[in-house]
Amino acid sequence: MLAEKMLDISAVKLQPELPFVWGNGWNSPVYNDNRRILSYPDVRNFVKVEIARYILEYYSQADVVAAVSTAAIPFGMLAADTLGLPFVYVRSTPKDHGLENMIEGDLKLGQNVVMVEDIVATAGGSLKAAEAIRMSGGEVLGGVCVFNYEFPAAIKRLRDENISMKSLCTYEVMVECALEREYIQTTDEGTLKEWRKDPSNWIPE
């Protein structure tokens, strides 16, 4: 359902014939802009409820919801409010003034934390956030993300750090949905699947 909704509002675009260039320099046949979800109340509410449901189902011992800065902040805040839980967010870098916080909000020693992510690609943001939470005395139960590319390297990195990441929508499901709705052609499927195997080295034909 989420894959369909994201395609409807152009929160994800699949363009095998005209690839994008990501901020990290990767060539990619897909681009996510999950911030668009915030402009559509029905989709926004769907994501909010699903994140909250996942937290209750998989991380019922959570004391705190921690969003990974910055795109996940509104999603984490919405889920925390729905569950009546405290909320914090983890900065990508320490604040360069004042207390030089890495975590904004009140995270207490020993609290069980569930992370909320916008998109998981390399998993670098999730790993950095988990490290900051642990350094601050929190216990990382795992995370919930809106969209997960499930790159093999990222899956391994999370597994090595003992971090469970539950996903509302995955790349594989998105591709299947796009094919069913004829958003892309069957001939594009091979390109999309090949890219996912080694995205950092993929070169458009």
N, C-alpha and C. Protein backbone atom coordinates (compact mmCIF):
# COMPACT_ATOMS: atom_id res chain seq x y z
N MET A 1 0.82 -1.20 0.00
CA MET A 1 0.00 0.00 0.00
C MET A 1 0.86 1.27 0.00
N LEU A 2 1.91 1.26 0.80
CA LEU A 2 2.76 2.44 0.86
C LEU A 2 3.48 2.68 -0.47
N ALA A 3 3.92 1.60 -1.11
CA ALA A 3 4.58 1.75 -2.40
C ALA A 3 3.66 2.45 -3.40
N GLU A 4 2.40 2.06 -3.43
CA GLU A 4 1.43 2.69 -4.33
C GLU A 4 1.26 4.16 -4.00
N LYS A 5 1.13 4.45 -2.71
CA LYS A 5 0.93 5.84 -2.29
C LYS A 5 2.15 6.71 -2.65
N MET A 6 3.35 6.16 -2.46
CA MET A 6 4.56 6.92 -2.75
C MET A 6 4.70 7.19 -4.25
N LEU A 7 4.32 6.23 -5.08
CA LEU A 7 4.34 6.44 -6.52
C LEU A 7 3.31 7.49 -6.92
N ASP A 8 2.14 7.46 -6.29
CA ASP A 8 1.07 8.40 -6.62
C ASP A 8 1.48 9.84 -6.36
N ILE A 9 2.25 10.08 -5.31
CA ILE A 9 2.61 11.45 -4.96
C ILE A 9 4.04 11.80 -5.41
N SER A 10 4.64 10.93 -6.19
CA SER A 10 6.01 11.13 -6.71
C SER A 10 7.04 11.26 -5.60
N ALA A 11 6.81 10.56 -4.49
CA ALA A 11 7.82 10.51 -3.43
C ALA A 11 8.97 9.60 -3.83
N VAL A 12 8.74 8.77 -4.83
CA VAL A 12 9.82 7.95 -5.40
C VAL A 12 9.66 7.98 -6.91
N LYS A 13 10.79 8.10 -7.60
CA LYS A 13 10.78 8.13 -9.05
C LYS A 13 11.76 7.09 -9.58
N LEU A 14 11.30 6.31 -10.55
CA LEU A 14 12.13 5.28 -11.18
C LEU A 14 12.37 5.68 -12.62
N GLN A 15 13.63 5.92 -12.96
CA GLN A 15 13.98 6.36 -14.30
C GLN A 15 15.21 5.61 -14.82
N PRO A 16 15.06 4.35 -15.18
CA PRO A 16 16.19 3.58 -15.70
C PRO A 16 16.81 4.20 -16.95
N GLU A 17 15.98 4.85 -17.75
CA GLU A 17 16.47 5.42 -19.01
C GLU A 17 17.15 6.78 -18.80
N LEU A 18 16.87 7.43 -17.71
CA LEU A 18 17.45 8.75 -17.43
C LEU A 18 17.85 8.80 -15.95
N PRO A 19 18.93 8.14 -15.59
CA PRO A 19 19.34 7.99 -14.18
C PRO A 19 19.62 9.33 -13.49
N PHE A 20 19.46 9.30 -12.18
CA PHE A 20 19.78 10.44 -11.32
C PHE A 20 21.23 10.30 -10.85
N VAL A 21 21.75 11.37 -10.27
CA VAL A 21 23.03 11.32 -9.58
C VAL A 21 22.78 11.69 -8.13
N TRP A 22 23.07 10.77 -7.21
CA TRP A 22 22.87 11.02 -5.79
C TRP A 22 23.94 11.97 -5.25
N GLY A 23 23.69 12.48 -4.07
CA GLY A 23 24.63 13.39 -3.43
C GLY A 23 25.99 12.77 -3.18
N ASN A 24 26.03 11.45 -3.03
CA ASN A 24 27.32 10.77 -2.80
C ASN A 24 28.03 10.43 -4.10
N GLY A 25 27.44 10.86 -5.23
CA GLY A 25 28.07 10.62 -6.52
C GLY A 25 27.62 9.38 -7.25
N TRP A 26 26.79 8.54 -6.63
CA TRP A 26 26.31 7.32 -7.28
C TRP A 26 25.35 7.66 -8.41
N ASN A 27 25.46 6.92 -9.51
CA ASN A 27 24.42 6.94 -10.54
C ASN A 27 23.29 6.04 -10.08
N SER A 28 22.07 6.49 -10.26
CA SER A 28 20.95 5.71 -9.75
C SER A 28 19.71 5.84 -10.63
N PRO A 29 19.03 4.72 -10.90
CA PRO A 29 17.79 4.77 -11.66
C PRO A 29 16.58 5.11 -10.80
N VAL A 30 16.82 5.39 -9.52
CA VAL A 30 15.72 5.69 -8.60
C VAL A 30 16.08 6.85 -7.70
N TYR A 31 15.08 7.64 -7.34
CA TYR A 31 15.30 8.76 -6.42
C TYR A 31 14.12 8.87 -5.47
N ASN A 32 14.42 9.02 -4.19
CA ASN A 32 13.38 9.17 -3.16
C ASN A 32 13.33 10.61 -2.66
N ASP A 33 12.13 11.09 -2.46
CA ASP A 33 11.93 12.38 -1.81
C ASP A 33 10.78 12.21 -0.84
N ASN A 34 11.07 11.52 0.28
CA ASN A 34 10.01 11.21 1.24
C ASN A 34 9.45 12.43 1.94
N ARG A 35 10.11 13.56 1.81
CA ARG A 35 9.56 14.79 2.41
C ARG A 35 8.22 15.14 1.77
N ARG A 36 8.00 14.69 0.55
CA ARG A 36 6.72 14.95 -0.10
C ARG A 36 5.56 14.34 0.67
N ILE A 37 5.83 13.26 1.40
CA ILE A 37 4.79 12.61 2.19
C ILE A 37 4.15 13.59 3.15
N LEU A 38 4.94 14.51 3.68
CA LEU A 38 4.43 15.46 4.68
C LEU A 38 3.36 16.39 4.12
N SER A 39 3.35 16.57 2.81
CA SER A 39 2.38 17.47 2.18
C SER A 39 1.05 16.81 1.85
N TYR A 40 0.96 15.50 2.09
CA TYR A 40 -0.26 14.74 1.78
C TYR A 40 -0.79 14.11 3.07
N PRO A 41 -1.79 14.72 3.71
CA PRO A 41 -2.27 14.26 5.01
C PRO A 41 -2.63 12.78 5.07
N ASP A 42 -3.25 12.24 4.02
CA ASP A 42 -3.65 10.84 4.07
C ASP A 42 -2.43 9.93 4.08
N VAL A 43 -1.42 10.24 3.26
CA VAL A 43 -0.21 9.43 3.23
C VAL A 43 0.59 9.64 4.52
N ARG A 44 0.66 10.88 4.96
CA ARG A 44 1.37 11.21 6.20
C ARG A 44 0.79 10.45 7.39
N ASN A 45 -0.53 10.42 7.48
CA ASN A 45 -1.18 9.71 8.58
C ASN A 45 -0.96 8.21 8.47
N PHE A 46 -0.96 7.69 7.25
CA PHE A 46 -0.71 6.27 7.04
C PHE A 46 0.68 5.91 7.55
N VAL A 47 1.69 6.69 7.18
CA VAL A 47 3.07 6.43 7.62
C VAL A 47 3.18 6.56 9.13
N LYS A 48 2.55 7.57 9.68
CA LYS A 48 2.59 7.78 11.14
C LYS A 48 2.06 6.57 11.88
N VAL A 49 0.89 6.09 11.46
CA VAL A 49 0.26 4.95 12.12
C VAL A 49 1.09 3.69 11.95
N GLU A 50 1.65 3.49 10.76
CA GLU A 50 2.44 2.28 10.51
C GLU A 50 3.74 2.28 11.31
N ILE A 51 4.40 3.42 11.42
CA ILE A 51 5.61 3.48 12.25
C ILE A 51 5.27 3.16 13.69
N ALA A 52 4.19 3.76 14.19
CA ALA A 52 3.77 3.51 15.57
C ALA A 52 3.42 2.03 15.77
N ARG A 53 2.76 1.45 14.78
CA ARG A 53 2.39 0.04 14.88
C ARG A 53 3.62 -0.85 14.91
N TYR A 54 4.59 -0.55 14.06
CA TYR A 54 5.82 -1.33 14.04
C TYR A 54 6.56 -1.24 15.38
N ILE A 55 6.57 -0.05 15.95
CA ILE A 55 7.24 0.13 17.25
C ILE A 55 6.57 -0.72 18.31
N LEU A 56 5.24 -0.71 18.33
CA LEU A 56 4.50 -1.51 19.30
C LEU A 56 4.73 -3.00 19.08
N GLU A 57 4.81 -3.40 17.82
CA GLU A 57 4.94 -4.82 17.49
C GLU A 57 6.35 -5.35 17.73
N TYR A 58 7.35 -4.58 17.34
CA TYR A 58 8.73 -5.08 17.39
C TYR A 58 9.56 -4.53 18.55
N TYR A 59 9.18 -3.35 19.05
CA TYR A 59 9.99 -2.71 20.10
C TYR A 59 9.09 -2.21 21.23
N SER A 60 8.32 -3.11 21.77
CA SER A 60 7.33 -2.73 22.78
C SER A 60 7.95 -2.18 24.06
N GLN A 61 9.24 -2.42 24.27
CA GLN A 61 9.92 -1.93 25.47
C GLN A 61 10.51 -0.54 25.29
N ALA A 62 10.23 0.10 24.17
CA ALA A 62 10.81 1.41 23.89
C ALA A 62 10.36 2.45 24.91
N ASP A 63 11.33 3.20 25.41
CA ASP A 63 11.05 4.33 26.31
C ASP A 63 11.08 5.65 25.55
N VAL A 64 11.84 5.67 24.45
CA VAL A 64 12.08 6.91 23.72
C VAL A 64 12.11 6.62 22.21
N VAL A 65 11.58 7.56 21.44
CA VAL A 65 11.72 7.50 19.98
C VAL A 65 12.79 8.51 19.59
N ALA A 66 13.78 8.04 18.81
CA ALA A 66 14.87 8.92 18.38
C ALA A 66 14.91 8.97 16.86
N ALA A 67 14.69 10.15 16.30
CA ALA A 67 14.77 10.31 14.86
C ALA A 67 16.20 10.57 14.44
N VAL A 68 16.55 10.07 13.26
CA VAL A 68 17.87 10.31 12.69
C VAL A 68 17.77 11.56 11.82
N SER A 69 18.51 12.59 12.18
CA SER A 69 18.44 13.88 11.51
C SER A 69 18.82 13.78 10.02
N THR A 70 18.16 14.56 9.15
CA THR A 70 17.12 15.50 9.49
C THR A 70 15.75 15.09 8.94
N ALA A 71 15.77 14.37 7.83
CA ALA A 71 14.51 14.06 7.15
C ALA A 71 13.56 13.21 7.97
N ALA A 72 14.09 12.44 8.92
CA ALA A 72 13.24 11.55 9.71
C ALA A 72 12.62 12.24 10.91
N ILE A 73 13.03 13.47 11.19
CA ILE A 73 12.53 14.16 12.40
C ILE A 73 11.00 14.25 12.42
N PRO A 74 10.34 14.72 11.35
CA PRO A 74 8.87 14.80 11.43
C PRO A 74 8.20 13.44 11.59
N PHE A 75 8.75 12.41 10.94
CA PHE A 75 8.15 11.08 11.06
C PHE A 75 8.31 10.53 12.48
N GLY A 76 9.49 10.72 13.05
CA GLY A 76 9.72 10.27 14.42
C GLY A 76 8.85 11.01 15.41
N MET A 77 8.72 12.31 15.21
CA MET A 77 7.91 13.13 16.11
C MET A 77 6.43 12.71 16.05
N LEU A 78 5.93 12.46 14.84
CA LEU A 78 4.54 12.03 14.69
C LEU A 78 4.30 10.70 15.39
N ALA A 79 5.24 9.76 15.22
CA ALA A 79 5.09 8.44 15.83
C ALA A 79 5.17 8.53 17.35
N ALA A 80 6.11 9.33 17.85
CA ALA A 80 6.25 9.48 19.30
C ALA A 80 4.99 10.10 19.90
N ASP A 81 4.43 11.07 19.22
CA ASP A 81 3.21 11.72 19.70
C ASP A 81 2.05 10.74 19.71
N THR A 82 1.95 9.91 18.68
CA THR A 82 0.89 8.91 18.60
C THR A 82 0.99 7.91 19.76
N LEU A 83 2.22 7.54 20.11
CA LEU A 83 2.44 6.54 21.16
C LEU A 83 2.55 7.16 22.56
N GLY A 84 2.60 8.47 22.63
CA GLY A 84 2.75 9.13 23.92
C GLY A 84 4.11 8.89 24.54
N LEU A 85 5.15 8.82 23.69
CA LEU A 85 6.51 8.56 24.15
C LEU A 85 7.37 9.81 24.01
N PRO A 86 8.40 9.93 24.83
CA PRO A 86 9.36 11.03 24.68
C PRO A 86 10.03 10.96 23.32
N PHE A 87 10.49 12.10 22.84
CA PHE A 87 11.12 12.19 21.54
C PHE A 87 12.46 12.93 21.62
N VAL A 88 13.45 12.40 20.90
CA VAL A 88 14.72 13.10 20.73
C VAL A 88 15.12 12.94 19.27
N TYR A 89 16.10 13.72 18.86
CA TYR A 89 16.66 13.46 17.53
C TYR A 89 18.17 13.53 17.59
N VAL A 90 18.79 12.76 16.71
CA VAL A 90 20.24 12.65 16.68
C VAL A 90 20.77 13.47 15.51
N ARG A 91 21.64 14.41 15.80
CA ARG A 91 22.22 15.26 14.77
C ARG A 91 23.25 14.48 13.95
N SER A 92 23.47 14.89 12.72
CA SER A 92 24.49 14.24 11.89
C SER A 92 25.90 14.63 12.35
N THR A 93 26.01 15.83 12.91
CA THR A 93 27.27 16.29 13.51
C THR A 93 26.94 17.06 14.78
N PRO A 94 27.86 17.12 15.74
CA PRO A 94 27.59 17.86 16.97
C PRO A 94 27.33 19.34 16.68
N LYS A 95 26.47 19.94 17.47
CA LYS A 95 26.21 21.36 17.35
C LYS A 95 27.53 22.12 17.55
N ASP A 96 27.76 23.15 16.75
CA ASP A 96 29.04 23.85 16.82
C ASP A 96 29.05 25.02 17.80
N HIS A 97 28.04 25.05 18.68
CA HIS A 97 28.01 26.11 19.70
C HIS A 97 27.24 25.60 20.91
N GLY A 98 27.21 26.39 21.96
CA GLY A 98 26.46 26.01 23.16
C GLY A 98 27.00 24.75 23.79
N LEU A 99 26.11 23.78 24.00
CA LEU A 99 26.48 22.51 24.65
C LEU A 99 27.10 21.51 23.68
N GLU A 100 27.14 21.86 22.40
CA GLU A 100 27.70 20.99 21.37
C GLU A 100 27.04 19.61 21.37
N ASN A 101 25.71 19.63 21.51
CA ASN A 101 24.95 18.38 21.59
C ASN A 101 25.00 17.59 20.29
N MET A 102 25.04 16.28 20.42
CA MET A 102 24.83 15.37 19.29
C MET A 102 23.38 14.91 19.31
N ILE A 103 22.83 14.78 20.51
CA ILE A 103 21.43 14.37 20.67
C ILE A 103 20.65 15.54 21.25
N GLU A 104 19.59 15.92 20.57
CA GLU A 104 18.74 17.02 21.02
C GLU A 104 17.51 16.46 21.70
N GLY A 105 17.29 16.90 22.92
CA GLY A 105 16.20 16.38 23.74
C GLY A 105 16.77 15.80 25.01
N ASP A 106 15.94 15.14 25.78
CA ASP A 106 16.35 14.62 27.08
C ASP A 106 16.39 13.09 27.05
N LEU A 107 17.57 12.55 26.76
CA LEU A 107 17.76 11.10 26.77
C LEU A 107 18.43 10.72 28.08
N LYS A 108 17.75 9.88 28.86
CA LYS A 108 18.25 9.51 30.18
C LYS A 108 19.04 8.20 30.12
N LEU A 109 19.97 8.06 31.04
CA LEU A 109 20.82 6.88 31.11
C LEU A 109 19.98 5.62 31.24
N GLY A 110 20.26 4.64 30.39
CA GLY A 110 19.59 3.35 30.49
C GLY A 110 18.26 3.24 29.77
N GLN A 111 17.79 4.31 29.15
CA GLN A 111 16.51 4.24 28.46
C GLN A 111 16.61 3.41 27.17
N ASN A 112 15.53 2.68 26.88
CA ASN A 112 15.45 1.89 25.66
C ASN A 112 15.00 2.77 24.51
N VAL A 113 15.78 2.78 23.44
CA VAL A 113 15.54 3.71 22.34
C VAL A 113 15.24 2.96 21.05
N VAL A 114 14.21 3.42 20.33
CA VAL A 114 13.95 2.92 18.98
C VAL A 114 14.22 4.08 18.02
N MET A 115 15.02 3.83 17.01
CA MET A 115 15.34 4.86 16.03
C MET A 115 14.30 4.88 14.92
N VAL A 116 14.05 6.06 14.38
CA VAL A 116 13.19 6.21 13.21
C VAL A 116 14.02 6.84 12.11
N GLU A 117 14.06 6.18 10.96
CA GLU A 117 14.82 6.63 9.80
C GLU A 117 13.88 6.95 8.65
N ASP A 118 14.28 7.88 7.82
CA ASP A 118 13.57 8.23 6.60
C ASP A 118 13.87 7.18 5.53
N ILE A 119 15.12 7.14 5.09
CA ILE A 119 15.57 6.20 4.07
C ILE A 119 16.85 5.52 4.54
N VAL A 120 16.94 4.21 4.36
CA VAL A 120 18.17 3.49 4.66
C VAL A 120 18.79 3.07 3.33
N ALA A 121 19.97 3.62 3.04
CA ALA A 121 20.71 3.25 1.83
C ALA A 121 22.02 2.59 2.25
N THR A 122 23.01 3.39 2.59
CA THR A 122 24.29 2.83 3.04
C THR A 122 24.25 2.40 4.49
N ALA A 123 23.24 2.87 5.24
CA ALA A 123 23.07 2.63 6.68
C ALA A 123 24.03 3.46 7.52
N GLY A 124 24.79 4.34 6.89
CA GLY A 124 25.74 5.17 7.63
C GLY A 124 25.08 6.04 8.68
N GLY A 125 23.95 6.66 8.34
CA GLY A 125 23.25 7.51 9.29
C GLY A 125 22.73 6.74 10.48
N SER A 126 22.19 5.56 10.23
CA SER A 126 21.65 4.73 11.31
C SER A 126 22.76 4.29 12.26
N LEU A 127 23.89 3.90 11.69
CA LEU A 127 25.01 3.43 12.52
C LEU A 127 25.58 4.57 13.36
N LYS A 128 25.69 5.74 12.77
CA LYS A 128 26.22 6.89 13.49
C LYS A 128 25.28 7.30 14.62
N ALA A 129 23.97 7.25 14.34
CA ALA A 129 22.99 7.60 15.35
C ALA A 129 23.01 6.60 16.50
N ALA A 130 23.10 5.32 16.16
CA ALA A 130 23.15 4.28 17.19
C ALA A 130 24.37 4.46 18.09
N GLU A 131 25.49 4.80 17.48
CA GLU A 131 26.71 5.02 18.26
C GLU A 131 26.53 6.18 19.23
N ALA A 132 25.92 7.27 18.75
CA ALA A 132 25.70 8.44 19.60
C ALA A 132 24.77 8.12 20.76
N ILE A 133 23.72 7.34 20.46
CA ILE A 133 22.76 6.95 21.52
C ILE A 133 23.45 6.10 22.57
N ARG A 134 24.24 5.15 22.13
CA ARG A 134 24.96 4.28 23.06
C ARG A 134 25.98 5.05 23.87
N MET A 135 26.67 5.99 23.24
CA MET A 135 27.65 6.81 23.95
C MET A 135 26.99 7.68 25.01
N SER A 136 25.71 7.99 24.79
CA SER A 136 24.97 8.81 25.75
C SER A 136 24.26 7.98 26.81
N GLY A 137 24.49 6.66 26.78
CA GLY A 137 23.94 5.80 27.81
C GLY A 137 22.61 5.17 27.48
N GLY A 138 22.15 5.33 26.24
CA GLY A 138 20.89 4.71 25.84
C GLY A 138 21.10 3.30 25.31
N GLU A 139 20.04 2.50 25.35
CA GLU A 139 20.07 1.14 24.82
C GLU A 139 19.31 1.13 23.50
N VAL A 140 19.98 0.79 22.42
CA VAL A 140 19.34 0.78 21.09
C VAL A 140 18.62 -0.54 20.86
N LEU A 141 17.30 -0.46 20.79
CA LEU A 141 16.50 -1.67 20.53
C LEU A 141 16.51 -2.04 19.05
N GLY A 142 16.58 -1.03 18.19
CA GLY A 142 16.54 -1.23 16.75
C GLY A 142 15.94 -0.01 16.10
N GLY A 143 15.46 -0.17 14.87
CA GLY A 143 14.92 0.98 14.16
C GLY A 143 13.77 0.63 13.24
N VAL A 144 13.06 1.67 12.81
CA VAL A 144 12.00 1.56 11.82
C VAL A 144 12.28 2.63 10.76
N CYS A 145 12.27 2.24 9.49
CA CYS A 145 12.49 3.21 8.43
C CYS A 145 11.30 3.23 7.47
N VAL A 146 11.11 4.36 6.82
CA VAL A 146 10.02 4.49 5.86
C VAL A 146 10.34 3.69 4.60
N PHE A 147 11.60 3.80 4.12
CA PHE A 147 11.99 3.11 2.90
C PHE A 147 13.40 2.55 3.05
N ASN A 148 13.58 1.31 2.59
CA ASN A 148 14.87 0.64 2.73
C ASN A 148 15.29 0.04 1.38
N TYR A 149 16.47 0.45 0.92
CA TYR A 149 16.99 -0.12 -0.33
C TYR A 149 17.47 -1.56 -0.14
N GLU A 150 17.77 -1.92 1.09
CA GLU A 150 18.26 -3.26 1.43
C GLU A 150 19.47 -3.65 0.57
N PHE A 151 20.41 -2.73 0.45
CA PHE A 151 21.67 -3.06 -0.21
C PHE A 151 22.40 -4.12 0.61
N PRO A 152 22.98 -5.11 -0.03
CA PRO A 152 23.69 -6.17 0.70
C PRO A 152 24.73 -5.62 1.69
N ALA A 153 25.49 -4.61 1.28
CA ALA A 153 26.52 -4.06 2.16
C ALA A 153 25.91 -3.40 3.39
N ALA A 154 24.78 -2.72 3.22
CA ALA A 154 24.12 -2.06 4.34
C ALA A 154 23.53 -3.08 5.31
N ILE A 155 22.94 -4.13 4.77
CA ILE A 155 22.39 -5.19 5.62
C ILE A 155 23.48 -5.79 6.49
N LYS A 156 24.65 -6.01 5.90
CA LYS A 156 25.77 -6.57 6.65
C LYS A 156 26.25 -5.61 7.73
N ARG A 157 26.34 -4.33 7.39
CA ARG A 157 26.81 -3.34 8.36
C ARG A 157 25.89 -3.28 9.58
N LEU A 158 24.60 -3.31 9.35
CA LEU A 158 23.64 -3.27 10.45
C LEU A 158 23.71 -4.56 11.27
N ARG A 159 23.82 -5.68 10.58
CA ARG A 159 23.91 -6.97 11.28
C ARG A 159 25.16 -7.03 12.15
N ASP A 160 26.28 -6.53 11.62
CA ASP A 160 27.53 -6.56 12.37
C ASP A 160 27.45 -5.73 13.65
N GLU A 161 26.61 -4.69 13.62
CA GLU A 161 26.45 -3.84 14.80
C GLU A 161 25.23 -4.24 15.64
N ASN A 162 24.64 -5.38 15.29
CA ASN A 162 23.50 -5.92 16.03
C ASN A 162 22.32 -4.93 16.08
N ILE A 163 22.03 -4.34 14.92
CA ILE A 163 20.93 -3.38 14.82
C ILE A 163 19.85 -3.96 13.91
N SER A 164 18.67 -4.14 14.45
CA SER A 164 17.53 -4.61 13.67
C SER A 164 16.84 -3.41 13.04
N MET A 165 16.58 -3.48 11.73
CA MET A 165 15.90 -2.38 11.05
C MET A 165 14.66 -2.91 10.33
N LYS A 166 13.49 -2.47 10.79
CA LYS A 166 12.23 -2.85 10.17
C LYS A 166 11.82 -1.78 9.16
N SER A 167 11.26 -2.20 8.04
CA SER A 167 10.99 -1.28 6.94
C SER A 167 9.52 -1.27 6.55
N LEU A 168 8.96 -0.06 6.40
CA LEU A 168 7.59 0.04 5.92
C LEU A 168 7.50 -0.33 4.45
N CYS A 169 8.53 0.02 3.69
CA CYS A 169 8.56 -0.30 2.26
C CYS A 169 10.00 -0.56 1.86
N THR A 170 10.19 -1.51 0.95
CA THR A 170 11.53 -1.84 0.47
C THR A 170 11.63 -1.60 -1.04
N TYR A 171 12.84 -1.53 -1.50
CA TYR A 171 13.11 -1.31 -2.92
C TYR A 171 12.48 -2.40 -3.78
N GLU A 172 12.63 -3.64 -3.35
CA GLU A 172 12.09 -4.76 -4.12
C GLU A 172 10.58 -4.65 -4.27
N VAL A 173 9.89 -4.31 -3.19
CA VAL A 173 8.44 -4.15 -3.24
C VAL A 173 8.06 -2.98 -4.14
N MET A 174 8.84 -1.89 -4.06
CA MET A 174 8.57 -0.73 -4.90
C MET A 174 8.67 -1.08 -6.38
N VAL A 175 9.70 -1.83 -6.76
CA VAL A 175 9.87 -2.22 -8.16
C VAL A 175 8.71 -3.10 -8.61
N GLU A 176 8.32 -4.05 -7.78
CA GLU A 176 7.20 -4.94 -8.12
C GLU A 176 5.91 -4.14 -8.32
N CYS A 177 5.69 -3.18 -7.43
CA CYS A 177 4.48 -2.35 -7.52
C CYS A 177 4.51 -1.50 -8.79
N ALA A 178 5.68 -0.94 -9.10
CA ALA A 178 5.81 -0.11 -10.31
C ALA A 178 5.56 -0.92 -11.57
N LEU A 179 5.99 -2.17 -11.58
CA LEU A 179 5.74 -3.05 -12.72
C LEU A 179 4.26 -3.36 -12.86
N GLU A 180 3.61 -3.68 -11.74
CA GLU A 180 2.19 -4.02 -11.76
C GLU A 180 1.34 -2.85 -12.26
N ARG A 181 1.77 -1.65 -11.90
CA ARG A 181 1.00 -0.46 -12.28
C ARG A 181 1.47 0.13 -13.61
N GLU A 182 2.41 -0.56 -14.24
CA GLU A 182 2.96 -0.13 -15.53
C GLU A 182 3.59 1.26 -15.44
N TYR A 183 4.10 1.56 -14.27
CA TYR A 183 4.86 2.81 -14.08
C TYR A 183 6.20 2.68 -14.79
N ILE A 184 6.72 1.46 -14.83
CA ILE A 184 7.92 1.12 -15.59
C ILE A 184 7.60 -0.09 -16.46
N GLN A 185 8.45 -0.38 -17.42
CA GLN A 185 8.25 -1.49 -18.33
C GLN A 185 9.00 -2.74 -17.83
N THR A 186 8.55 -3.89 -18.27
CA THR A 186 9.19 -5.14 -17.88
C THR A 186 10.67 -5.15 -18.26
N THR A 187 11.01 -4.50 -19.37
CA THR A 187 12.40 -4.45 -19.81
C THR A 187 13.30 -3.66 -18.85
N ASP A 188 12.69 -2.85 -17.98
CA ASP A 188 13.46 -2.05 -17.02
C ASP A 188 13.83 -2.86 -15.77
N GLU A 189 13.13 -3.96 -15.54
CA GLU A 189 13.31 -4.71 -14.30
C GLU A 189 14.75 -5.18 -14.12
N GLY A 190 15.35 -5.70 -15.19
CA GLY A 190 16.71 -6.20 -15.09
C GLY A 190 17.69 -5.11 -14.69
N THR A 191 17.54 -3.91 -15.25
CA THR A 191 18.41 -2.78 -14.92
C THR A 191 18.27 -2.40 -13.46
N LEU A 192 17.04 -2.33 -12.99
CA LEU A 192 16.77 -1.93 -11.60
C LEU A 192 17.35 -2.94 -10.61
N LYS A 193 17.23 -4.22 -10.92
CA LYS A 193 17.76 -5.25 -10.03
C LYS A 193 19.28 -5.31 -10.07
N GLU A 194 19.84 -5.09 -11.24
CA GLU A 194 21.30 -5.11 -11.38
C GLU A 194 21.94 -3.96 -10.62
N TRP A 195 21.32 -2.79 -10.67
CA TRP A 195 21.83 -1.62 -9.96
C TRP A 195 21.91 -1.89 -8.46
N ARG A 196 20.90 -2.53 -7.92
CA ARG A 196 20.83 -2.75 -6.47
C ARG A 196 21.97 -3.64 -5.97
N LYS A 197 22.50 -4.50 -6.83
CA LYS A 197 23.57 -5.42 -6.40
C LYS A 197 24.85 -4.68 -6.06
N ASP A 198 25.15 -3.61 -6.82
CA ASP A 198 26.41 -2.89 -6.61
C ASP A 198 26.20 -1.42 -7.03
N PRO A 199 25.41 -0.68 -6.27
CA PRO A 199 25.03 0.68 -6.69
C PRO A 199 26.19 1.65 -6.80
N SER A 200 27.22 1.49 -6.00
CA SER A 200 28.33 2.44 -6.02
C SER A 200 29.15 2.36 -7.30
N ASN A 201 29.10 1.22 -7.98
CA ASN A 201 29.89 1.03 -9.20
C ASN A 201 29.04 0.93 -10.47
N TRP A 202 27.73 1.14 -10.32
CA TRP A 202 26.84 0.99 -11.47
C TRP A 202 27.03 2.14 -12.47
N ILE A 203 27.14 1.80 -13.74
CA ILE A 203 27.29 2.78 -14.80
C ILE A 203 26.14 2.62 -15.79
N PRO A 204 25.39 3.67 -16.04
CA PRO A 204 24.27 3.57 -17.00
C PRO A 204 24.76 3.18 -18.37
N GLU A 205 23.96 2.38 -19.05
CA GLU A 205 24.33 1.97 -20.42
C GLU A 205 23.99 3.07 -21.42
